Amino acid sequence: KVEIQKQLYERIAISMGINDWDFNMILNPKESFETPEI
């Protein structure tokens, strides 16, 4: 997912990464999760 967001006063914000649609990740104690690189 890439989301381009424009408001009247702020800089344009562009977020990138795994799509949050239907996404879920359960971390048990001491586990970790690494996102893909952008």
PDB file of all heavy atoms in Angstrom:
ATOM      1  N   LYS A   1       0.837  -1.200   0.000  1.00  0.00           N
ATOM      2  CA  LYS A   1       0.000   0.000   0.000  1.00  0.00           C
ATOM      3  C   LYS A   1       0.873   1.251   0.000  1.00  0.00           C
ATOM      4  O   LYS A   1       1.849   1.341   0.738  1.00  0.00           O
ATOM      5  CB  LYS A   1      -0.912   0.010   1.235  1.00  0.00           C
ATOM      6  CG  LYS A   1      -1.922   1.160   1.292  1.00  0.00           C
ATOM      7  CD  LYS A   1      -2.801   0.997   2.526  1.00  0.00           C
ATOM      8  CE  LYS A   1      -3.883   2.057   2.617  1.00  0.00           C
ATOM      9  NZ  LYS A   1      -4.719   1.875   3.829  1.00  0.00           N
ATOM     10  N   VAL A   2       0.502   2.198  -0.859  1.00  0.00           N
ATOM     11  CA  VAL A   2       1.073   3.548  -0.847  1.00  0.00           C
ATOM     12  C   VAL A   2      -0.087   4.505  -0.676  1.00  0.00           C
ATOM     13  O   VAL A   2      -1.063   4.458  -1.439  1.00  0.00           O
ATOM     14  CB  VAL A   2       1.821   3.870  -2.159  1.00  0.00           C
ATOM     15  CG1 VAL A   2       2.264   5.330  -2.167  1.00  0.00           C
ATOM     16  CG2 VAL A   2       3.016   2.951  -2.347  1.00  0.00           C
ATOM     17  N   GLU A   3      -0.013   5.363   0.324  1.00  0.00           N
ATOM     18  CA  GLU A   3      -1.070   6.350   0.551  1.00  0.00           C
ATOM     19  C   GLU A   3      -0.484   7.746   0.473  1.00  0.00           C
ATOM     20  O   GLU A   3       0.458   8.079   1.198  1.00  0.00           O
ATOM     21  CB  GLU A   3      -1.752   6.139   1.890  1.00  0.00           C
ATOM     22  CG  GLU A   3      -2.883   7.127   2.120  1.00  0.00           C
ATOM     23  CD  GLU A   3      -3.798   6.721   3.268  1.00  0.00           C
ATOM     24  OE1 GLU A   3      -4.280   5.574   3.267  1.00  0.00           O
ATOM     25  OE2 GLU A   3      -4.023   7.560   4.147  1.00  0.00           O
ATOM     26  N   ILE A   4      -1.036   8.556  -0.432  1.00  0.00           N
ATOM     27  CA  ILE A   4      -0.598   9.937  -0.614  1.00  0.00           C
ATOM     28  C   ILE A   4      -1.645  10.837   0.020  1.00  0.00           C
ATOM     29  O   ILE A   4      -2.816  10.817  -0.375  1.00  0.00           O
ATOM     30  CB  ILE A   4      -0.430  10.280  -2.107  1.00  0.00           C
ATOM     31  CG1 ILE A   4       0.591   9.350  -2.759  1.00  0.00           C
ATOM     32  CG2 ILE A   4      -0.017  11.734  -2.282  1.00  0.00           C
ATOM     33  CD1 ILE A   4      -0.009   8.171  -3.482  1.00  0.00           C
ATOM     34  N   GLN A   5      -1.243  11.632   0.993  1.00  0.00           N
ATOM     35  CA  GLN A   5      -2.190  12.446   1.751  1.00  0.00           C
ATOM     36  C   GLN A   5      -1.806  13.916   1.661  1.00  0.00           C
ATOM     37  O   GLN A   5      -0.669  14.298   1.956  1.00  0.00           O
ATOM     38  CB  GLN A   5      -2.221  12.008   3.212  1.00  0.00           C
ATOM     39  CG  GLN A   5      -3.186  12.809   4.078  1.00  0.00           C
ATOM     40  CD  GLN A   5      -3.171  12.352   5.522  1.00  0.00           C
ATOM     41  OE1 GLN A   5      -2.614  11.315   5.851  1.00  0.00           O
ATOM     42  NE2 GLN A   5      -3.780  13.136   6.393  1.00  0.00           N
ATOM     43  N   LYS A   6      -2.765  14.731   1.250  1.00  0.00           N
ATOM     44  CA  LYS A   6      -2.528  16.172   1.173  1.00  0.00           C
ATOM     45  C   LYS A   6      -3.562  16.907   2.014  1.00  0.00           C
ATOM     46  O   LYS A   6      -4.753  16.645   1.923  1.00  0.00           O
ATOM     47  CB  LYS A   6      -2.602  16.662  -0.279  1.00  0.00           C
ATOM     48  CG  LYS A   6      -2.381  18.164  -0.439  1.00  0.00           C
ATOM     49  CD  LYS A   6      -2.422  18.594  -1.892  1.00  0.00           C
ATOM     50  CE  LYS A   6      -2.246  20.102  -2.027  1.00  0.00           C
ATOM     51  NZ  LYS A   6      -2.270  20.540  -3.443  1.00  0.00           N
ATOM     52  N   GLN A   7      -3.063  17.827   2.859  1.00  0.00           N
ATOM     53  CA  GLN A   7      -3.911  18.726   3.620  1.00  0.00           C
ATOM     54  C   GLN A   7      -3.576  20.157   3.223  1.00  0.00           C
ATOM     55  O   GLN A   7      -2.615  20.399   2.492  1.00  0.00           O
ATOM     56  CB  GLN A   7      -3.695  18.514   5.124  1.00  0.00           C
ATOM     57  CG  GLN A   7      -4.056  17.111   5.574  1.00  0.00           C
ATOM     58  CD  GLN A   7      -3.727  16.841   7.032  1.00  0.00           C
ATOM     59  OE1 GLN A   7      -3.934  15.744   7.507  1.00  0.00           O
ATOM     60  NE2 GLN A   7      -3.190  17.819   7.740  1.00  0.00           N
ATOM     61  N   LEU A   8      -4.358  21.100   3.696  1.00  0.00           N
ATOM     62  CA  LEU A   8      -4.167  22.484   3.269  1.00  0.00           C
ATOM     63  C   LEU A   8      -2.811  23.047   3.679  1.00  0.00           C
ATOM     64  O   LEU A   8      -2.167  23.739   2.911  1.00  0.00           O
ATOM     65  CB  LEU A   8      -5.286  23.364   3.848  1.00  0.00           C
ATOM     66  CG  LEU A   8      -6.606  23.379   3.068  1.00  0.00           C
ATOM     67  CD1 LEU A   8      -7.644  24.193   3.810  1.00  0.00           C
ATOM     68  CD2 LEU A   8      -6.387  23.963   1.671  1.00  0.00           C
ATOM     69  N   TYR A   9      -2.366  22.744   4.888  1.00  0.00           N
ATOM     70  CA  TYR A   9      -1.207  23.443   5.424  1.00  0.00           C
ATOM     71  C   TYR A   9       0.049  22.578   5.528  1.00  0.00           C
ATOM     72  O   TYR A   9       1.155  23.088   5.497  1.00  0.00           O
ATOM     73  CB  TYR A   9      -1.533  24.014   6.820  1.00  0.00           C
ATOM     74  CG  TYR A   9      -2.668  24.991   6.794  1.00  0.00           C
ATOM     75  CD1 TYR A   9      -3.918  24.643   7.274  1.00  0.00           C
ATOM     76  CD2 TYR A   9      -2.486  26.263   6.262  1.00  0.00           C
ATOM     77  CE1 TYR A   9      -4.970  25.549   7.246  1.00  0.00           C
ATOM     78  CE2 TYR A   9      -3.534  27.172   6.219  1.00  0.00           C
ATOM     79  CZ  TYR A   9      -4.771  26.811   6.720  1.00  0.00           C
ATOM     80  OH  TYR A   9      -5.800  27.695   6.674  1.00  0.00           O
ATOM     81  N   GLU A  10      -0.122  21.292   5.682  1.00  0.00           N
ATOM     82  CA  GLU A  10       1.036  20.439   5.939  1.00  0.00           C
ATOM     83  C   GLU A  10       1.735  20.025   4.652  1.00  0.00           C
ATOM     84  O   GLU A  10       1.198  20.127   3.553  1.00  0.00           O
ATOM     85  CB  GLU A  10       0.587  19.181   6.694  1.00  0.00           C
ATOM     86  CG  GLU A  10      -0.126  19.465   7.988  1.00  0.00           C
ATOM     87  CD  GLU A  10       0.630  20.447   8.864  1.00  0.00           C
ATOM     88  OE1 GLU A  10       1.817  20.187   9.150  1.00  0.00           O
ATOM     89  OE2 GLU A  10       0.045  21.479   9.237  1.00  0.00           O
ATOM     90  N   ARG A  11       2.937  19.504   4.807  1.00  0.00           N
ATOM     91  CA  ARG A  11       3.601  18.885   3.672  1.00  0.00           C
ATOM     92  C   ARG A  11       2.817  17.643   3.239  1.00  0.00           C
ATOM     93  O   ARG A  11       2.095  17.039   4.025  1.00  0.00           O
ATOM     94  CB  ARG A  11       5.036  18.490   4.040  1.00  0.00           C
ATOM     95  CG  ARG A  11       5.970  19.688   4.189  1.00  0.00           C
ATOM     96  CD  ARG A  11       7.401  19.241   4.401  1.00  0.00           C
ATOM     97  NE  ARG A  11       7.600  18.604   5.689  1.00  0.00           N
ATOM     98  CZ  ARG A  11       8.689  17.907   6.021  1.00  0.00           C
ATOM     99  NH1 ARG A  11       9.658  17.734   5.148  1.00  0.00           N
ATOM    100  NH2 ARG A  11       8.808  17.372   7.223  1.00  0.00           N
ATOM    101  N   ILE A  12       2.966  17.270   1.988  1.00  0.00           N
ATOM    102  CA  ILE A  12       2.313  16.061   1.493  1.00  0.00           C
ATOM    103  C   ILE A  12       2.979  14.855   2.153  1.00  0.00           C
ATOM    104  O   ILE A  12       4.204  14.721   2.149  1.00  0.00           O
ATOM    105  CB  ILE A  12       2.436  15.976  -0.039  1.00  0.00           C
ATOM    106  CG1 ILE A  12       1.688  17.142  -0.690  1.00  0.00           C
ATOM    107  CG2 ILE A  12       1.901  14.651  -0.551  1.00  0.00           C
ATOM    108  CD1 ILE A  12       1.945  17.278  -2.182  1.00  0.00           C
ATOM    109  N   ALA A  13       2.175  13.990   2.731  1.00  0.00           N
ATOM    110  CA  ALA A  13       2.681  12.803   3.430  1.00  0.00           C
ATOM    111  C   ALA A  13       2.426  11.568   2.574  1.00  0.00           C
ATOM    112  O   ALA A  13       1.311  11.364   2.075  1.00  0.00           O
ATOM    113  CB  ALA A  13       1.997  12.647   4.782  1.00  0.00           C
ATOM    114  N   ILE A  14       3.443  10.732   2.401  1.00  0.00           N
ATOM    115  CA  ILE A  14       3.323   9.519   1.602  1.00  0.00           C
ATOM    116  C   ILE A  14       3.809   8.335   2.434  1.00  0.00           C
ATOM    117  O   ILE A  14       4.986   8.250   2.782  1.00  0.00           O
ATOM    118  CB  ILE A  14       4.128   9.624   0.292  1.00  0.00           C
ATOM    119  CG1 ILE A  14       3.723  10.880  -0.477  1.00  0.00           C
ATOM    120  CG2 ILE A  14       3.931   8.372  -0.553  1.00  0.00           C
ATOM    121  CD1 ILE A  14       4.544  11.144  -1.720  1.00  0.00           C
ATOM    122  N   SER A  15       2.875   7.435   2.764  1.00  0.00           N
ATOM    123  CA  SER A  15       3.182   6.268   3.591  1.00  0.00           C
ATOM    124  C   SER A  15       3.297   5.032   2.707  1.00  0.00           C
ATOM    125  O   SER A  15       2.533   4.869   1.749  1.00  0.00           O
ATOM    126  CB  SER A  15       2.090   6.044   4.643  1.00  0.00           C
ATOM    127  OG  SER A  15       1.943   7.198   5.457  1.00  0.00           O
ATOM    128  N   MET A  16       4.235   4.143   3.057  1.00  0.00           N
ATOM    129  CA  MET A  16       4.523   2.983   2.213  1.00  0.00           C
ATOM    130  C   MET A  16       4.757   1.744   3.061  1.00  0.00           C
ATOM    131  O   MET A  16       5.337   1.826   4.143  1.00  0.00           O
ATOM    132  CB  MET A  16       5.783   3.233   1.379  1.00  0.00           C
ATOM    133  CG  MET A  16       5.706   4.389   0.415  1.00  0.00           C
ATOM    134  SD  MET A  16       7.308   4.629  -0.414  1.00  0.00           S
ATOM    135  CE  MET A  16       8.171   5.592   0.827  1.00  0.00           C
ATOM    136  N   GLY A  17       4.334   0.591   2.514  1.00  0.00           N
ATOM    137  CA  GLY A  17       4.655  -0.664   3.177  1.00  0.00           C
ATOM    138  C   GLY A  17       3.632  -1.747   2.911  1.00  0.00           C
ATOM    139  O   GLY A  17       2.859  -1.694   1.948  1.00  0.00           O
ATOM    140  N   ILE A  18       3.609  -2.752   3.784  1.00  0.00           N
ATOM    141  CA  ILE A  18       2.635  -3.833   3.690  1.00  0.00           C
ATOM    142  C   ILE A  18       1.225  -3.269   3.823  1.00  0.00           C
ATOM    143  O   ILE A  18       0.979  -2.357   4.620  1.00  0.00           O
ATOM    144  CB  ILE A  18       2.890  -4.878   4.801  1.00  0.00           C
ATOM    145  CG1 ILE A  18       4.162  -5.681   4.500  1.00  0.00           C
ATOM    146  CG2 ILE A  18       1.718  -5.834   4.944  1.00  0.00           C
ATOM    147  CD1 ILE A  18       4.503  -6.703   5.572  1.00  0.00           C
ATOM    148  N   ASN A  19       0.311  -3.800   3.053  1.00  0.00           N
ATOM    149  CA  ASN A  19      -1.079  -3.355   3.130  1.00  0.00           C
ATOM    150  C   ASN A  19      -1.695  -3.815   4.452  1.00  0.00           C
ATOM    151  O   ASN A  19      -1.577  -4.984   4.836  1.00  0.00           O
ATOM    152  CB  ASN A  19      -1.878  -3.939   1.962  1.00  0.00           C
ATOM    153  CG  ASN A  19      -3.150  -3.160   1.680  1.00  0.00           C
ATOM    154  OD1 ASN A  19      -3.759  -2.597   2.582  1.00  0.00           O
ATOM    155  ND2 ASN A  19      -3.546  -3.135   0.425  1.00  0.00           N
ATOM    156  N   ASP A  20      -2.352  -2.880   5.146  1.00  0.00           N
ATOM    157  CA  ASP A  20      -2.993  -3.231   6.411  1.00  0.00           C
ATOM    158  C   ASP A  20      -4.335  -3.927   6.202  1.00  0.00           C
ATOM    159  O   ASP A  20      -4.931  -4.426   7.163  1.00  0.00           O
ATOM    160  CB  ASP A  20      -3.179  -1.985   7.283  1.00  0.00           C
ATOM    161  CG  ASP A  20      -4.000  -0.903   6.593  1.00  0.00           C
ATOM    162  OD1 ASP A  20      -3.927  -0.809   5.347  1.00  0.00           O
ATOM    163  OD2 ASP A  20      -4.706  -0.151   7.282  1.00  0.00           O
ATOM    164  N   TRP A  21      -4.810  -3.999   4.953  1.00  0.00           N
ATOM    165  CA  TRP A  21      -6.072  -4.679   4.664  1.00  0.00           C
ATOM    166  C   TRP A  21      -5.919  -6.175   4.935  1.00  0.00           C
ATOM    167  O   TRP A  21      -5.037  -6.834   4.392  1.00  0.00           O
ATOM    168  CB  TRP A  21      -6.473  -4.446   3.206  1.00  0.00           C
ATOM    169  CG  TRP A  21      -7.678  -5.230   2.790  1.00  0.00           C
ATOM    170  CD1 TRP A  21      -8.976  -4.901   3.004  1.00  0.00           C
ATOM    171  CD2 TRP A  21      -7.686  -6.490   2.105  1.00  0.00           C
ATOM    172  NE1 TRP A  21      -9.807  -5.871   2.500  1.00  0.00           N
ATOM    173  CE2 TRP A  21      -9.032  -6.862   1.932  1.00  0.00           C
ATOM    174  CE3 TRP A  21      -6.695  -7.333   1.623  1.00  0.00           C
ATOM    175  CZ2 TRP A  21      -9.414  -8.044   1.300  1.00  0.00           C
ATOM    176  CZ3 TRP A  21      -7.061  -8.511   0.994  1.00  0.00           C
ATOM    177  CH2 TRP A  21      -8.408  -8.860   0.831  1.00  0.00           C
ATOM    178  N   ASP A  22      -6.778  -6.714   5.796  1.00  0.00           N
ATOM    179  CA  ASP A  22      -6.796  -8.140   6.136  1.00  0.00           C
ATOM    180  C   ASP A  22      -5.458  -8.621   6.686  1.00  0.00           C
ATOM    181  O   ASP A  22      -5.130  -9.806   6.622  1.00  0.00           O
ATOM    182  CB  ASP A  22      -7.179  -8.976   4.908  1.00  0.00           C
ATOM    183  CG  ASP A  22      -7.786 -10.322   5.297  1.00  0.00           C
ATOM    184  OD1 ASP A  22      -8.537 -10.367   6.285  1.00  0.00           O
ATOM    185  OD2 ASP A  22      -7.494 -11.332   4.615  1.00  0.00           O
ATOM    186  N   PHE A  23      -4.681  -7.674   7.232  1.00  0.00           N
ATOM    187  CA  PHE A  23      -3.355  -8.029   7.767  1.00  0.00           C
ATOM    188  C   PHE A  23      -3.413  -8.182   9.272  1.00  0.00           C
ATOM    189  O   PHE A  23      -4.116  -7.446   9.957  1.00  0.00           O
ATOM    190  CB  PHE A  23      -2.342  -6.941   7.406  1.00  0.00           C
ATOM    191  CG  PHE A  23      -1.001  -7.114   8.084  1.00  0.00           C
ATOM    192  CD1 PHE A  23      -0.065  -8.005   7.579  1.00  0.00           C
ATOM    193  CD2 PHE A  23      -0.681  -6.387   9.223  1.00  0.00           C
ATOM    194  CE1 PHE A  23       1.169  -8.164   8.194  1.00  0.00           C
ATOM    195  CE2 PHE A  23       0.551  -6.536   9.845  1.00  0.00           C
ATOM    196  CZ  PHE A  23       1.478  -7.430   9.326  1.00  0.00           C
ATOM    197  N   ASN A  24      -2.659  -9.121   9.756  1.00  0.00           N
ATOM    198  CA  ASN A  24      -2.555  -9.339  11.188  1.00  0.00           C
ATOM    199  C   ASN A  24      -1.270 -10.110  11.456  1.00  0.00           C
ATOM    200  O   ASN A  24      -0.902 -10.993  10.682  1.00  0.00           O
ATOM    201  CB  ASN A  24      -3.746 -10.159  11.690  1.00  0.00           C
ATOM    202  CG  ASN A  24      -4.095  -9.830  13.128  1.00  0.00           C
ATOM    203  OD1 ASN A  24      -4.641  -8.784  13.401  1.00  0.00           O
ATOM    204  ND2 ASN A  24      -3.748 -10.726  14.017  1.00  0.00           N
ATOM    205  N   MET A  25      -0.593  -9.776  12.546  1.00  0.00           N
ATOM    206  CA  MET A  25       0.583 -10.539  12.947  1.00  0.00           C
ATOM    207  C   MET A  25       0.590 -10.622  14.475  1.00  0.00           C
ATOM    208  O   MET A  25       0.579  -9.594  15.159  1.00  0.00           O
ATOM    209  CB  MET A  25       1.859  -9.859  12.442  1.00  0.00           C
ATOM    210  CG  MET A  25       3.135 -10.634  12.702  1.00  0.00           C
ATOM    211  SD  MET A  25       3.224 -12.248  11.882  1.00  0.00           S
ATOM    212  CE  MET A  25       3.014 -11.787  10.172  1.00  0.00           C
ATOM    213  N   ILE A  26       0.571 -11.843  15.000  1.00  0.00           N
ATOM    214  CA  ILE A  26       0.599 -12.060  16.448  1.00  0.00           C
ATOM    215  C   ILE A  26       2.038 -12.296  16.873  1.00  0.00           C
ATOM    216  O   ILE A  26       2.702 -13.215  16.373  1.00  0.00           O
ATOM    217  CB  ILE A  26      -0.265 -13.268  16.856  1.00  0.00           C
ATOM    218  CG1 ILE A  26      -1.700 -13.111  16.336  1.00  0.00           C
ATOM    219  CG2 ILE A  26      -0.241 -13.438  18.372  1.00  0.00           C
ATOM    220  CD1 ILE A  26      -2.445 -11.935  16.903  1.00  0.00           C
ATOM    221  N   LEU A  27       2.518 -11.456  17.786  1.00  0.00           N
ATOM    222  CA  LEU A  27       3.862 -11.642  18.326  1.00  0.00           C
ATOM    223  C   LEU A  27       3.761 -12.246  19.717  1.00  0.00           C
ATOM    224  O   LEU A  27       3.206 -11.642  20.637  1.00  0.00           O
ATOM    225  CB  LEU A  27       4.600 -10.303  18.420  1.00  0.00           C
ATOM    226  CG  LEU A  27       5.145  -9.666  17.141  1.00  0.00           C
ATOM    227  CD1 LEU A  27       6.050  -8.497  17.495  1.00  0.00           C
ATOM    228  CD2 LEU A  27       5.887 -10.677  16.295  1.00  0.00           C
ATOM    229  N   ASN A  28       4.285 -13.444  19.868  1.00  0.00           N
ATOM    230  CA  ASN A  28       4.388 -14.050  21.192  1.00  0.00           C
ATOM    231  C   ASN A  28       5.527 -13.394  21.956  1.00  0.00           C
ATOM    232  O   ASN A  28       6.345 -12.672  21.377  1.00  0.00           O
ATOM    233  CB  ASN A  28       4.622 -15.550  21.062  1.00  0.00           C
ATOM    234  CG  ASN A  28       3.416 -16.265  20.475  1.00  0.00           C
ATOM    235  OD1 ASN A  28       2.275 -15.990  20.852  1.00  0.00           O
ATOM    236  ND2 ASN A  28       3.652 -17.173  19.541  1.00  0.00           N
ATOM    237  N   PRO A  29       5.623 -13.630  23.265  1.00  0.00           N
ATOM    238  CA  PRO A  29       6.726 -13.059  24.041  1.00  0.00           C
ATOM    239  C   PRO A  29       8.081 -13.377  23.411  1.00  0.00           C
ATOM    240  O   PRO A  29       8.325 -14.500  22.961  1.00  0.00           O
ATOM    241  CB  PRO A  29       6.568 -13.725  25.409  1.00  0.00           C
ATOM    242  CG  PRO A  29       5.103 -14.006  25.509  1.00  0.00           C
ATOM    243  CD  PRO A  29       4.667 -14.363  24.122  1.00  0.00           C
ATOM    244  N   LYS A  30       8.929 -12.353  23.325  1.00  0.00           N
ATOM    245  CA  LYS A  30      10.307 -12.430  22.805  1.00  0.00           C
ATOM    246  C   LYS A  30      10.379 -12.601  21.282  1.00  0.00           C
ATOM    247  O   LYS A  30      11.470 -12.741  20.734  1.00  0.00           O
ATOM    248  CB  LYS A  30      11.101 -13.557  23.483  1.00  0.00           C
ATOM    249  CG  LYS A  30      11.019 -13.575  25.000  1.00  0.00           C
ATOM    250  CD  LYS A  30      11.377 -12.225  25.597  1.00  0.00           C
ATOM    251  CE  LYS A  30      11.211 -12.229  27.116  1.00  0.00           C
ATOM    252  NZ  LYS A  30      11.435 -10.876  27.699  1.00  0.00           N
ATOM    253  N   GLU A  31       9.243 -12.561  20.591  1.00  0.00           N
ATOM    254  CA  GLU A  31       9.268 -12.643  19.132  1.00  0.00           C
ATOM    255  C   GLU A  31       9.392 -11.246  18.526  1.00  0.00           C
ATOM    256  O   GLU A  31       9.072 -10.243  19.163  1.00  0.00           O
ATOM    257  CB  GLU A  31       8.002 -13.324  18.609  1.00  0.00           C
ATOM    258  CG  GLU A  31       7.974 -14.821  18.839  1.00  0.00           C
ATOM    259  CD  GLU A  31       6.765 -15.485  18.200  1.00  0.00           C
ATOM    260  OE1 GLU A  31       5.789 -14.770  17.868  1.00  0.00           O
ATOM    261  OE2 GLU A  31       6.793 -16.727  18.043  1.00  0.00           O
ATOM    262  N   SER A  32       9.834 -11.210  17.259  1.00  0.00           N
ATOM    263  CA  SER A  32       9.976  -9.938  16.566  1.00  0.00           C
ATOM    264  C   SER A  32       9.409 -10.050  15.153  1.00  0.00           C
ATOM    265  O   SER A  32       9.205 -11.150  14.631  1.00  0.00           O
ATOM    266  CB  SER A  32      11.448  -9.512  16.503  1.00  0.00           C
ATOM    267  OG  SER A  32      12.208 -10.454  15.755  1.00  0.00           O
ATOM    268  N   PHE A  33       9.155  -8.903  14.557  1.00  0.00           N
ATOM    269  CA  PHE A  33       8.645  -8.852  13.190  1.00  0.00           C
ATOM    270  C   PHE A  33       9.358  -7.735  12.455  1.00  0.00           C
ATOM    271  O   PHE A  33       9.466  -6.610  12.953  1.00  0.00           O
ATOM    272  CB  PHE A  33       7.136  -8.593  13.178  1.00  0.00           C
ATOM    273  CG  PHE A  33       6.558  -8.426  11.799  1.00  0.00           C
ATOM    274  CD1 PHE A  33       6.341  -9.532  10.991  1.00  0.00           C
ATOM    275  CD2 PHE A  33       6.257  -7.167  11.302  1.00  0.00           C
ATOM    276  CE1 PHE A  33       5.819  -9.385   9.714  1.00  0.00           C
ATOM    277  CE2 PHE A  33       5.731  -7.011  10.031  1.00  0.00           C
ATOM    278  CZ  PHE A  33       5.511  -8.123   9.226  1.00  0.00           C
ATOM    279  N   GLU A  34       9.850  -8.037  11.251  1.00  0.00           N
ATOM    280  CA  GLU A  34      10.576  -7.056  10.449  1.00  0.00           C
ATOM    281  C   GLU A  34       9.772  -6.707   9.208  1.00  0.00           C
ATOM    282  O   GLU A  34       9.355  -7.593   8.457  1.00  0.00           O
ATOM    283  CB  GLU A  34      11.942  -7.613  10.053  1.00  0.00           C
ATOM    284  CG  GLU A  34      12.837  -6.626   9.321  1.00  0.00           C
ATOM    285  CD  GLU A  34      14.223  -7.190   9.071  1.00  0.00           C
ATOM    286  OE1 GLU A  34      15.030  -7.226  10.025  1.00  0.00           O
ATOM    287  OE2 GLU A  34      14.488  -7.613   7.924  1.00  0.00           O
ATOM    288  N   THR A  35       9.554  -5.443   8.988  1.00  0.00           N
ATOM    289  CA  THR A  35       8.804  -5.007   7.810  1.00  0.00           C
ATOM    290  C   THR A  35       9.703  -5.080   6.574  1.00  0.00           C
ATOM    291  O   THR A  35      10.930  -5.048   6.676  1.00  0.00           O
ATOM    292  CB  THR A  35       8.301  -3.566   7.967  1.00  0.00           C
ATOM    293  OG1 THR A  35       9.420  -2.665   7.922  1.00  0.00           O
ATOM    294  CG2 THR A  35       7.545  -3.387   9.262  1.00  0.00           C
ATOM    295  N   PRO A  36       9.107  -5.155   5.388  1.00  0.00           N
ATOM    296  CA  PRO A  36       9.919  -5.063   4.168  1.00  0.00           C
ATOM    297  C   PRO A  36      10.564  -3.682   4.064  1.00  0.00           C
ATOM    298  O   PRO A  36      10.074  -2.702   4.640  1.00  0.00           O
ATOM    299  CB  PRO A  36       8.904  -5.260   3.039  1.00  0.00           C
ATOM    300  CG  PRO A  36       7.676  -5.787   3.683  1.00  0.00           C
ATOM    301  CD  PRO A  36       7.685  -5.312   5.091  1.00  0.00           C
ATOM    302  N   GLU A  37      11.636  -3.616   3.315  1.00  0.00           N
ATOM    303  CA  GLU A  37      12.270  -2.322   3.091  1.00  0.00           C
ATOM    304  C   GLU A  37      11.475  -1.495   2.094  1.00  0.00           C
ATOM    305  O   GLU A  37      10.863  -2.025   1.162  1.00  0.00           O
ATOM    306  CB  GLU A  37      13.689  -2.505   2.534  1.00  0.00           C
ATOM    307  CG  GLU A  37      14.687  -3.022   3.551  1.00  0.00           C
ATOM    308  CD  GLU A  37      16.066  -3.206   2.941  1.00  0.00           C
ATOM    309  OE1 GLU A  37      16.147  -3.407   1.705  1.00  0.00           O
ATOM    310  OE2 GLU A  37      17.058  -3.157   3.683  1.00  0.00           O
ATOM    311  N   ILE A  38      11.471  -0.189   2.328  1.00  0.00           N
ATOM    312  CA  ILE A  38      11.048   0.752   1.302  1.00  0.00           C
ATOM    313  C   ILE A  38      12.299   1.487   0.839  1.00  0.00           C
ATOM    314  O   ILE A  38      13.315   1.548   1.543  1.00  0.00           O
ATOM    315  CB  ILE A  38       9.988   1.747   1.806  1.00  0.00           C
ATOM    316  CG1 ILE A  38      10.504   2.528   3.028  1.00  0.00           C
ATOM    317  CG2 ILE A  38       8.690   1.031   2.122  1.00  0.00           C
ATOM    318  CD1 ILE A  38       9.587   3.651   3.483  1.00  0.00           C
TER     319      ILE A  38
END
